[in-house]
Amino acid sequence: MLKIKKLSEVEGKNVYTSEGDFFGQIEGVNLVDNKIDGWKIRVGSGFMGMLGGARGVVIPHNFVKAMGDVIVVNKASLPVRDEEPMSSAEPMDMQELV
């Protein structure tokens, strides 16, 4: 049975990745045409370095795997900062993209 929650009940809930790592807390929601488009998440300190020091991110609603006492998001959907940015002079192997 689907239990409908008010958005005010979801704000402040803890967010975990699909691997069980603490990711942050729900800070707000993005609505488009009265439908949930994405969740604003205040990122925990463990993921700030991975996200380039960002304090928060917006995760699209379709990447939320479960909602209950906590929210579970797919870890593969999280934005990742590249540690080694590719320079424009470096050639790119197009076979790697296939």
PDB file of N, CA and C in Angstrom:
ATOM      1  N   MET A   1       0.842  -1.180   0.000  1.00  0.00           N
ATOM      2  CA  MET A   1       0.000   0.000   0.000  1.00  0.00           C
ATOM      3  C   MET A   1       0.889   1.246   0.000  1.00  0.00           C
ATOM      4  N   LEU A   2       0.561   2.183  -0.860  1.00  0.00           N
ATOM      5  CA  LEU A   2       1.311   3.423  -0.984  1.00  0.00           C
ATOM      6  C   LEU A   2       0.869   4.410   0.081  1.00  0.00           C
ATOM      7  N   LYS A   3       1.820   4.903   0.857  1.00  0.00           N
ATOM      8  CA  LYS A   3       1.507   5.900   1.878  1.00  0.00           C
ATOM      9  C   LYS A   3       1.955   7.259   1.384  1.00  0.00           C
ATOM     10  N   ILE A   4       1.038   8.177   1.260  1.00  0.00           N
ATOM     11  CA  ILE A   4       1.331   9.537   0.808  1.00  0.00           C
ATOM     12  C   ILE A   4       1.863  10.334   1.988  1.00  0.00           C
ATOM     13  N   LYS A   5       2.949  11.075   1.756  1.00  0.00           N
ATOM     14  CA  LYS A   5       3.527  11.921   2.793  1.00  0.00           C
ATOM     15  C   LYS A   5       3.448  13.373   2.364  1.00  0.00           C
ATOM     16  N   LYS A   6       3.385  14.257   3.330  1.00  0.00           N
ATOM     17  CA  LYS A   6       3.483  15.679   3.049  1.00  0.00           C
ATOM     18  C   LYS A   6       4.950  16.005   2.850  1.00  0.00           C
ATOM     19  N   LEU A   7       5.223  16.996   2.012  1.00  0.00           N
ATOM     20  CA  LEU A   7       6.614  17.377   1.779  1.00  0.00           C
ATOM     21  C   LEU A   7       7.289  17.832   3.061  1.00  0.00           C
ATOM     22  N   SER A   8       6.532  18.457   3.952  1.00  0.00           N
ATOM     23  CA  SER A   8       7.120  18.910   5.218  1.00  0.00           C
ATOM     24  C   SER A   8       7.571  17.731   6.076  1.00  0.00           C
ATOM     25  N   GLU A   9       6.979  16.547   5.882  1.00  0.00           N
ATOM     26  CA  GLU A   9       7.402  15.358   6.620  1.00  0.00           C
ATOM     27  C   GLU A   9       8.698  14.782   6.070  1.00  0.00           C
ATOM     28  N   VAL A  10       9.004  15.060   4.804  1.00  0.00           N
ATOM     29  CA  VAL A  10      10.187  14.504   4.162  1.00  0.00           C
ATOM     30  C   VAL A  10      11.409  15.381   4.398  1.00  0.00           C
ATOM     31  N   GLU A  11      11.211  16.683   4.522  1.00  0.00           N
ATOM     32  CA  GLU A  11      12.341  17.593   4.738  1.00  0.00           C
ATOM     33  C   GLU A  11      13.067  17.231   6.027  1.00  0.00           C
ATOM     34  N   GLY A  12      14.400  17.206   5.956  1.00  0.00           N
ATOM     35  CA  GLY A  12      15.216  16.872   7.111  1.00  0.00           C
ATOM     36  C   GLY A  12      15.530  15.390   7.240  1.00  0.00           C
ATOM     37  N   LYS A  13      14.892  14.552   6.419  1.00  0.00           N
ATOM     38  CA  LYS A  13      15.164  13.113   6.475  1.00  0.00           C
ATOM     39  C   LYS A  13      16.574  12.835   5.968  1.00  0.00           C
ATOM     40  N   ASN A  14      17.196  11.819   6.517  1.00  0.00           N
ATOM     41  CA  ASN A  14      18.538  11.423   6.095  1.00  0.00           C
ATOM     42  C   ASN A  14      18.485  10.713   4.752  1.00  0.00           C
ATOM     43  N   VAL A  15      19.514  10.945   3.938  1.00  0.00           N
ATOM     44  CA  VAL A  15      19.629  10.331   2.614  1.00  0.00           C
ATOM     45  C   VAL A  15      20.861   9.435   2.622  1.00  0.00           C
ATOM     46  N   TYR A  16      20.667   8.200   2.153  1.00  0.00           N
ATOM     47  CA  TYR A  16      21.754   7.231   2.065  1.00  0.00           C
ATOM     48  C   TYR A  16      21.885   6.764   0.621  1.00  0.00           C
ATOM     49  N   THR A  17      23.091   6.325   0.264  1.00  0.00           N
ATOM     50  CA  THR A  17      23.306   5.758  -1.069  1.00  0.00           C
ATOM     51  C   THR A  17      22.843   4.310  -1.061  1.00  0.00           C
ATOM     52  N   SER A  18      22.755   3.724  -2.245  1.00  0.00           N
ATOM     53  CA  SER A  18      22.337   2.336  -2.360  1.00  0.00           C
ATOM     54  C   SER A  18      23.342   1.384  -1.711  1.00  0.00           C
ATOM     55  N   GLU A  19      24.577   1.847  -1.471  1.00  0.00           N
ATOM     56  CA  GLU A  19      25.578   1.041  -0.775  1.00  0.00           C
ATOM     57  C   GLU A  19      25.534   1.231   0.741  1.00  0.00           C
ATOM     58  N   GLY A  20      24.668   2.109   1.227  1.00  0.00           N
ATOM     59  CA  GLY A  20      24.519   2.321   2.661  1.00  0.00           C
ATOM     60  C   GLY A  20      25.328   3.467   3.232  1.00  0.00           C
ATOM     61  N   ASP A  21      25.981   4.262   2.393  1.00  0.00           N
ATOM     62  CA  ASP A  21      26.760   5.406   2.863  1.00  0.00           C
ATOM     63  C   ASP A  21      25.833   6.596   3.114  1.00  0.00           C
ATOM     64  N   PHE A  22      26.085   7.317   4.222  1.00  0.00           N
ATOM     65  CA  PHE A  22      25.320   8.530   4.502  1.00  0.00           C
ATOM     66  C   PHE A  22      25.677   9.584   3.460  1.00  0.00           C
ATOM     67  N   PHE A  23      24.674  10.140   2.776  1.00  0.00           N
ATOM     68  CA  PHE A  23      24.914  11.141   1.734  1.00  0.00           C
ATOM     69  C   PHE A  23      24.572  12.551   2.200  1.00  0.00           C
ATOM     70  N   GLY A  24      23.498  12.720   2.956  1.00  0.00           N
ATOM     71  CA  GLY A  24      23.111  14.051   3.411  1.00  0.00           C
ATOM     72  C   GLY A  24      21.693  14.058   3.945  1.00  0.00           C
ATOM     73  N   GLN A  25      21.048  15.231   3.871  1.00  0.00           N
ATOM     74  CA  GLN A  25      19.673  15.394   4.343  1.00  0.00           C
ATOM     75  C   GLN A  25      18.856  16.145   3.310  1.00  0.00           C
ATOM     76  N   ILE A  26      17.574  15.802   3.233  1.00  0.00           N
ATOM     77  CA  ILE A  26      16.655  16.492   2.331  1.00  0.00           C
ATOM     78  C   ILE A  26      16.486  17.923   2.822  1.00  0.00           C
ATOM     79  N   GLU A  27      16.705  18.868   1.926  1.00  0.00           N
ATOM     80  CA  GLU A  27      16.587  20.279   2.262  1.00  0.00           C
ATOM     81  C   GLU A  27      15.353  20.902   1.615  1.00  0.00           C
ATOM     82  N   GLY A  28      14.914  20.336   0.491  1.00  0.00           N
ATOM     83  CA  GLY A  28      13.757  20.885  -0.204  1.00  0.00           C
ATOM     84  C   GLY A  28      13.423  20.028  -1.411  1.00  0.00           C
ATOM     85  N   VAL A  29      12.500  20.535  -2.197  1.00  0.00           N
ATOM     86  CA  VAL A  29      12.039  19.786  -3.361  1.00  0.00           C
ATOM     87  C   VAL A  29      11.856  20.745  -4.531  1.00  0.00           C
ATOM     88  N   ASN A  30      12.101  20.258  -5.737  1.00  0.00           N
ATOM     89  CA  ASN A  30      11.795  21.013  -6.959  1.00  0.00           C
ATOM     90  C   ASN A  30      10.506  20.457  -7.536  1.00  0.00           C
ATOM     91  N   LEU A  31       9.531  21.329  -7.735  1.00  0.00           N
ATOM     92  CA  LEU A  31       8.251  20.917  -8.308  1.00  0.00           C
ATOM     93  C   LEU A  31       8.104  21.475  -9.712  1.00  0.00           C
ATOM     94  N   VAL A  32       7.576  20.668 -10.620  1.00  0.00           N
ATOM     95  CA  VAL A  32       7.252  21.097 -11.972  1.00  0.00           C
ATOM     96  C   VAL A  32       5.837  20.599 -12.258  1.00  0.00           C
ATOM     97  N   ASP A  33       4.921  21.512 -12.533  1.00  0.00           N
ATOM     98  CA  ASP A  33       3.519  21.162 -12.785  1.00  0.00           C
ATOM     99  C   ASP A  33       2.942  20.313 -11.659  1.00  0.00           C
ATOM    100  N   ASN A  34       3.207  20.696 -10.407  1.00  0.00           N
ATOM    101  CA  ASN A  34       2.724  19.995  -9.210  1.00  0.00           C
ATOM    102  C   ASN A  34       3.206  18.554  -9.109  1.00  0.00           C
ATOM    103  N   LYS A  35       4.325  18.243  -9.748  1.00  0.00           N
ATOM    104  CA  LYS A  35       4.931  16.916  -9.637  1.00  0.00           C
ATOM    105  C   LYS A  35       6.366  17.092  -9.167  1.00  0.00           C
ATOM    106  N   ILE A  36       6.850  16.118  -8.423  1.00  0.00           N
ATOM    107  CA  ILE A  36       8.218  16.182  -7.916  1.00  0.00           C
ATOM    108  C   ILE A  36       9.182  15.930  -9.058  1.00  0.00           C
ATOM    109  N   ASP A  37      10.074  16.909  -9.287  1.00  0.00           N
ATOM    110  CA  ASP A  37      11.077  16.796 -10.333  1.00  0.00           C
ATOM    111  C   ASP A  37      12.420  16.372  -9.746  1.00  0.00           C
ATOM    112  N   GLY A  38      12.767  16.893  -8.577  1.00  0.00           N
ATOM    113  CA  GLY A  38      14.044  16.568  -7.966  1.00  0.00           C
ATOM    114  C   GLY A  38      14.057  16.944  -6.505  1.00  0.00           C
ATOM    115  N   TRP A  39      15.070  16.417  -5.807  1.00  0.00           N
ATOM    116  CA  TRP A  39      15.219  16.663  -4.379  1.00  0.00           C
ATOM    117  C   TRP A  39      16.496  17.455  -4.118  1.00  0.00           C
ATOM    118  N   LYS A  40      16.372  18.531  -3.332  1.00  0.00           N
ATOM    119  CA  LYS A  40      17.532  19.312  -2.913  1.00  0.00           C
ATOM    120  C   LYS A  40      18.105  18.644  -1.669  1.00  0.00           C
ATOM    121  N   ILE A  41      19.373  18.257  -1.773  1.00  0.00           N
ATOM    122  CA  ILE A  41      20.004  17.529  -0.677  1.00  0.00           C
ATOM    123  C   ILE A  41      21.209  18.310  -0.175  1.00  0.00           C
ATOM    124  N   ARG A  42      21.243  18.542   1.139  1.00  0.00           N
ATOM    125  CA  ARG A  42      22.411  19.145   1.787  1.00  0.00           C
ATOM    126  C   ARG A  42      23.395  18.000   2.007  1.00  0.00           C
ATOM    127  N   VAL A  43      24.539  18.080   1.362  1.00  0.00           N
ATOM    128  CA  VAL A  43      25.501  16.986   1.332  1.00  0.00           C
ATOM    129  C   VAL A  43      26.262  16.892   2.648  1.00  0.00           C
ATOM    130  N   GLY A  44      26.450  15.661   3.127  1.00  0.00           N
ATOM    131  CA  GLY A  44      27.250  15.416   4.323  1.00  0.00           C
ATOM    132  C   GLY A  44      28.727  15.614   4.034  1.00  0.00           C
ATOM    133  N   SER A  45      29.508  15.768   5.072  1.00  0.00           N
ATOM    134  CA  SER A  45      30.926  16.078   4.907  1.00  0.00           C
ATOM    135  C   SER A  45      31.696  14.985   4.176  1.00  0.00           C
ATOM    136  N   GLY A  46      31.269  13.750   4.239  1.00  0.00           N
ATOM    137  CA  GLY A  46      31.977  12.662   3.578  1.00  0.00           C
ATOM    138  C   GLY A  46      31.947  12.736   2.063  1.00  0.00           C
ATOM    139  N   PHE A  47      30.930  13.390   1.495  1.00  0.00           N
ATOM    140  CA  PHE A  47      30.803  13.473   0.046  1.00  0.00           C
ATOM    141  C   PHE A  47      31.193  14.832  -0.517  1.00  0.00           C
ATOM    142  N   MET A  48      31.475  15.816   0.338  1.00  0.00           N
ATOM    143  CA  MET A  48      31.811  17.152  -0.165  1.00  0.00           C
ATOM    144  C   MET A  48      33.046  17.137  -1.048  1.00  0.00           C
ATOM    145  N   GLY A  49      34.069  16.394  -0.666  1.00  0.00           N
ATOM    146  CA  GLY A  49      35.293  16.325  -1.461  1.00  0.00           C
ATOM    147  C   GLY A  49      35.039  15.703  -2.818  1.00  0.00           C
ATOM    148  N   MET A  50      34.189  14.692  -2.855  1.00  0.00           N
ATOM    149  CA  MET A  50      33.863  14.023  -4.111  1.00  0.00           C
ATOM    150  C   MET A  50      33.105  14.960  -5.049  1.00  0.00           C
ATOM    151  N   LEU A  51      32.383  15.916  -4.474  1.00  0.00           N
ATOM    152  CA  LEU A  51      31.562  16.831  -5.264  1.00  0.00           C
ATOM    153  C   LEU A  51      32.223  18.193  -5.436  1.00  0.00           C
ATOM    154  N   GLY A  52      33.500  18.270  -5.212  1.00  0.00           N
ATOM    155  CA  GLY A  52      34.223  19.526  -5.408  1.00  0.00           C
ATOM    156  C   GLY A  52      33.901  20.578  -4.377  1.00  0.00           C
ATOM    157  N   GLY A  53      33.522  20.169  -3.167  1.00  0.00           N
ATOM    158  CA  GLY A  53      33.232  21.115  -2.105  1.00  0.00           C
ATOM    159  C   GLY A  53      31.817  21.671  -2.118  1.00  0.00           C
ATOM    160  N   ALA A  54      30.955  21.161  -3.006  1.00  0.00           N
ATOM    161  CA  ALA A  54      29.572  21.638  -3.071  1.00  0.00           C
ATOM    162  C   ALA A  54      28.853  21.309  -1.766  1.00  0.00           C
ATOM    163  N   ARG A  55      28.043  22.222  -1.293  1.00  0.00           N
ATOM    164  CA  ARG A  55      27.291  22.005  -0.058  1.00  0.00           C
ATOM    165  C   ARG A  55      25.982  21.271  -0.302  1.00  0.00           C
ATOM    166  N   GLY A  56      25.528  21.299  -1.539  1.00  0.00           N
ATOM    167  CA  GLY A  56      24.267  20.634  -1.842  1.00  0.00           C
ATOM    168  C   GLY A  56      24.166  20.270  -3.305  1.00  0.00           C
ATOM    169  N   VAL A  57      23.266  19.356  -3.599  1.00  0.00           N
ATOM    170  CA  VAL A  57      23.010  18.922  -4.971  1.00  0.00           C
ATOM    171  C   VAL A  57      21.508  18.730  -5.142  1.00  0.00           C
ATOM    172  N   VAL A  58      21.096  18.647  -6.395  1.00  0.00           N
ATOM    173  CA  VAL A  58      19.715  18.303  -6.705  1.00  0.00           C
ATOM    174  C   VAL A  58      19.757  16.953  -7.409  1.00  0.00           C
ATOM    175  N   ILE A  59      19.084  15.988  -6.829  1.00  0.00           N
ATOM    176  CA  ILE A  59      19.008  14.638  -7.388  1.00  0.00           C
ATOM    177  C   ILE A  59      17.641  14.479  -8.044  1.00  0.00           C
ATOM    178  N   PRO A  60      17.587  14.118  -9.318  1.00  0.00           N
ATOM    179  CA  PRO A  60      16.290  13.891  -9.967  1.00  0.00           C
ATOM    180  C   PRO A  60      15.493  12.804  -9.237  1.00  0.00           C
ATOM    181  N   HIS A  61      14.190  12.970  -9.190  1.00  0.00           N
ATOM    182  CA  HIS A  61      13.323  12.056  -8.438  1.00  0.00           C
ATOM    183  C   HIS A  61      13.429  10.614  -8.939  1.00  0.00           C
ATOM    184  N   ASN A  62      13.680  10.426 -10.239  1.00  0.00           N
ATOM    185  CA  ASN A  62      13.735   9.059 -10.750  1.00  0.00           C
ATOM    186  C   ASN A  62      14.964   8.292 -10.253  1.00  0.00           C
ATOM    187  N   PHE A  63      15.925   8.945  -9.591  1.00  0.00           N
ATOM    188  CA  PHE A  63      17.080   8.258  -9.015  1.00  0.00           C
ATOM    189  C   PHE A  63      16.851   7.873  -7.557  1.00  0.00           C
ATOM    190  N   VAL A  64      15.689   8.210  -7.004  1.00  0.00           N
ATOM    191  CA  VAL A  64      15.350   7.808  -5.637  1.00  0.00           C
ATOM    192  C   VAL A  64      14.836   6.374  -5.700  1.00  0.00           C
ATOM    193  N   LYS A  65      15.500   5.490  -4.948  1.00  0.00           N
ATOM    194  CA  LYS A  65      15.128   4.080  -4.966  1.00  0.00           C
ATOM    195  C   LYS A  65      14.061   3.761  -3.933  1.00  0.00           C
ATOM    196  N   ALA A  66      14.087   4.432  -2.775  1.00  0.00           N
ATOM    197  CA  ALA A  66      13.130   4.138  -1.708  1.00  0.00           C
ATOM    198  C   ALA A  66      12.962   5.353  -0.811  1.00  0.00           C
ATOM    199  N   MET A  67      11.757   5.491  -0.275  1.00  0.00           N
ATOM    200  CA  MET A  67      11.454   6.556   0.674  1.00  0.00           C
ATOM    201  C   MET A  67      10.685   5.935   1.831  1.00  0.00           C
ATOM    202  N   GLY A  68      11.110   6.263   3.024  1.00  0.00           N
ATOM    203  CA  GLY A  68      10.458   5.768   4.227  1.00  0.00           C
ATOM    204  C   GLY A  68      10.984   6.589   5.385  1.00  0.00           C
ATOM    205  N   ASP A  69      11.532   5.901   6.381  1.00  0.00           N
ATOM    206  CA  ASP A  69      12.171   6.607   7.489  1.00  0.00           C
ATOM    207  C   ASP A  69      13.432   7.312   7.011  1.00  0.00           C
ATOM    208  N   VAL A  70      14.059   6.764   5.960  1.00  0.00           N
ATOM    209  CA  VAL A  70      15.210   7.379   5.299  1.00  0.00           C
ATOM    210  C   VAL A  70      14.951   7.344   3.796  1.00  0.00           C
ATOM    211  N   ILE A  71      15.761   8.078   3.043  1.00  0.00           N
ATOM    212  CA  ILE A  71      15.656   8.085   1.581  1.00  0.00           C
ATOM    213  C   ILE A  71      16.906   7.389   1.047  1.00  0.00           C
ATOM    214  N   VAL A  72      16.709   6.513   0.064  1.00  0.00           N
ATOM    215  CA  VAL A  72      17.827   5.790  -0.545  1.00  0.00           C
ATOM    216  C   VAL A  72      17.921   6.231  -2.000  1.00  0.00           C
ATOM    217  N   VAL A  73      19.122   6.691  -2.407  1.00  0.00           N
ATOM    218  CA  VAL A  73      19.354   7.103  -3.790  1.00  0.00           C
ATOM    219  C   VAL A  73      20.385   6.175  -4.417  1.00  0.00           C
ATOM    220  N   ASN A  74      20.281   6.024  -5.720  1.00  0.00           N
ATOM    221  CA  ASN A  74      21.216   5.194  -6.464  1.00  0.00           C
ATOM    222  C   ASN A  74      22.565   5.892  -6.494  1.00  0.00           C
ATOM    223  N   LYS A  75      23.618   5.248  -5.971  1.00  0.00           N
ATOM    224  CA  LYS A  75      24.942   5.875  -5.910  1.00  0.00           C
ATOM    225  C   LYS A  75      25.483   6.179  -7.304  1.00  0.00           C
ATOM    226  N   ALA A  76      25.143   5.365  -8.285  1.00  0.00           N
ATOM    227  CA  ALA A  76      25.625   5.594  -9.649  1.00  0.00           C
ATOM    228  C   ALA A  76      25.068   6.889 -10.240  1.00  0.00           C
ATOM    229  N   SER A  77      23.995   7.409  -9.684  1.00  0.00           N
ATOM    230  CA  SER A  77      23.374   8.623 -10.215  1.00  0.00           C
ATOM    231  C   SER A  77      23.993   9.903  -9.660  1.00  0.00           C
ATOM    232  N   LEU A  78      24.853   9.790  -8.658  1.00  0.00           N
ATOM    233  CA  LEU A  78      25.409  10.979  -8.022  1.00  0.00           C
ATOM    234  C   LEU A  78      26.416  11.668  -8.922  1.00  0.00           C
ATOM    235  N   PRO A  79      26.413  12.994  -8.927  1.00  0.00           N
ATOM    236  CA  PRO A  79      27.411  13.719  -9.727  1.00  0.00           C
ATOM    237  C   PRO A  79      28.793  13.506  -9.139  1.00  0.00           C
ATOM    238  N   VAL A  80      29.784  13.295 -10.002  1.00  0.00           N
ATOM    239  CA  VAL A  80      31.149  13.050  -9.557  1.00  0.00           C
ATOM    240  C   VAL A  80      32.065  14.065 -10.209  1.00  0.00           C
ATOM    241  N   ARG A  81      32.944  14.639  -9.417  1.00  0.00           N
ATOM    242  CA  ARG A  81      33.936  15.583  -9.932  1.00  0.00           C
ATOM    243  C   ARG A  81      35.117  14.786 -10.442  1.00  0.00           C
ATOM    244  N   ASP A  82      35.544  15.060 -11.663  1.00  0.00           N
ATOM    245  CA  ASP A  82      36.722  14.405 -12.218  1.00  0.00           C
ATOM    246  C   ASP A  82      37.954  14.899 -11.480  1.00  0.00           C
ATOM    247  N   GLU A  83      38.781  13.975 -11.037  1.00  0.00           N
ATOM    248  CA  GLU A  83      40.006  14.341 -10.331  1.00  0.00           C
ATOM    249  C   GLU A  83      41.043  14.905 -11.289  1.00  0.00           C
ATOM    250  N   GLU A  84      41.114  14.373 -12.519  1.00  0.00           N
ATOM    251  CA  GLU A  84      42.084  14.842 -13.497  1.00  0.00           C
ATOM    252  C   GLU A  84      41.337  15.374 -14.716  1.00  0.00           C
ATOM    253  N   PRO A  85      41.125  16.691 -14.783  1.00  0.00           N
ATOM    254  CA  PRO A  85      40.421  17.225 -15.942  1.00  0.00           C
ATOM    255  C   PRO A  85      41.242  17.038 -17.212  1.00  0.00           C
ATOM    256  N   MET A  86      40.545  16.715 -18.309  1.00  0.00           N
ATOM    257  CA  MET A  86      41.215  16.492 -19.588  1.00  0.00           C
ATOM    258  C   MET A  86      41.575  17.835 -20.206  1.00  0.00           C
ATOM    259  N   SER A  87      42.806  17.975 -20.616  1.00  0.00           N
ATOM    260  CA  SER A  87      43.205  19.223 -21.258  1.00  0.00           C
ATOM    261  C   SER A  87      42.773  19.182 -22.716  1.00  0.00           C
ATOM    262  N   SER A  88      42.595  20.349 -23.305  1.00  0.00           N
ATOM    263  CA  SER A  88      42.141  20.418 -24.692  1.00  0.00           C
ATOM    264  C   SER A  88      43.213  19.932 -25.660  1.00  0.00           C
ATOM    265  N   ALA A  89      44.489  19.916 -25.234  1.00  0.00           N
ATOM    266  CA  ALA A  89      45.574  19.472 -26.117  1.00  0.00           C
ATOM    267  C   ALA A  89      45.714  17.955 -26.120  1.00  0.00           C
ATOM    268  N   GLU A  90      45.090  17.296 -25.143  1.00  0.00           N
ATOM    269  CA  GLU A  90      45.205  15.846 -25.040  1.00  0.00           C
ATOM    270  C   GLU A  90      44.267  15.173 -26.041  1.00  0.00           C
ATOM    271  N   PRO A  91      44.786  14.264 -26.897  1.00  0.00           N
ATOM    272  CA  PRO A  91      43.914  13.604 -27.864  1.00  0.00           C
ATOM    273  C   PRO A  91      42.954  12.650 -27.170  1.00  0.00           C
ATOM    274  N   MET A  92      41.781  12.493 -27.768  1.00  0.00           N
ATOM    275  CA  MET A  92      40.755  11.626 -27.203  1.00  0.00           C
ATOM    276  C   MET A  92      40.537  10.428 -28.104  1.00  0.00           C
ATOM    277  N   ASP A  93      40.530   9.238 -27.523  1.00  0.00           N
ATOM    278  CA  ASP A  93      40.294   8.022 -28.275  1.00  0.00           C
ATOM    279  C   ASP A  93      38.789   7.823 -28.391  1.00  0.00           C
ATOM    280  N   MET A  94      38.243   7.947 -29.564  1.00  0.00           N
ATOM    281  CA  MET A  94      36.795   7.839 -29.793  1.00  0.00           C
ATOM    282  C   MET A  94      36.284   6.424 -29.566  1.00  0.00           C
ATOM    283  N   GLN A  95      37.154   5.413 -29.613  1.00  0.00           N
ATOM    284  CA  GLN A  95      36.744   4.020 -29.368  1.00  0.00           C
ATOM    285  C   GLN A  95      36.274   3.855 -27.918  1.00  0.00           C
ATOM    286  N   GLU A  96      36.824   4.647 -27.012  1.00  0.00           N
ATOM    287  CA  GLU A  96      36.451   4.539 -25.605  1.00  0.00           C
ATOM    288  C   GLU A  96      34.999   4.955 -25.396  1.00  0.00           C
ATOM    289  N   LEU A  97      34.461   5.771 -26.249  1.00  0.00           N
ATOM    290  CA  LEU A  97      33.081   6.253 -26.095  1.00  0.00           C
ATOM    291  C   LEU A  97      32.055   5.251 -26.599  1.00  0.00           C
ATOM    292  N   VAL A  98      32.482   4.272 -27.382  1.00  0.00           N
ATOM    293  CA  VAL A  98      31.547   3.304 -27.944  1.00  0.00           C
ATOM    294  C   VAL A  98      31.222   2.214 -26.999  1.00  0.00           C
TER     295      VAL A  98
END
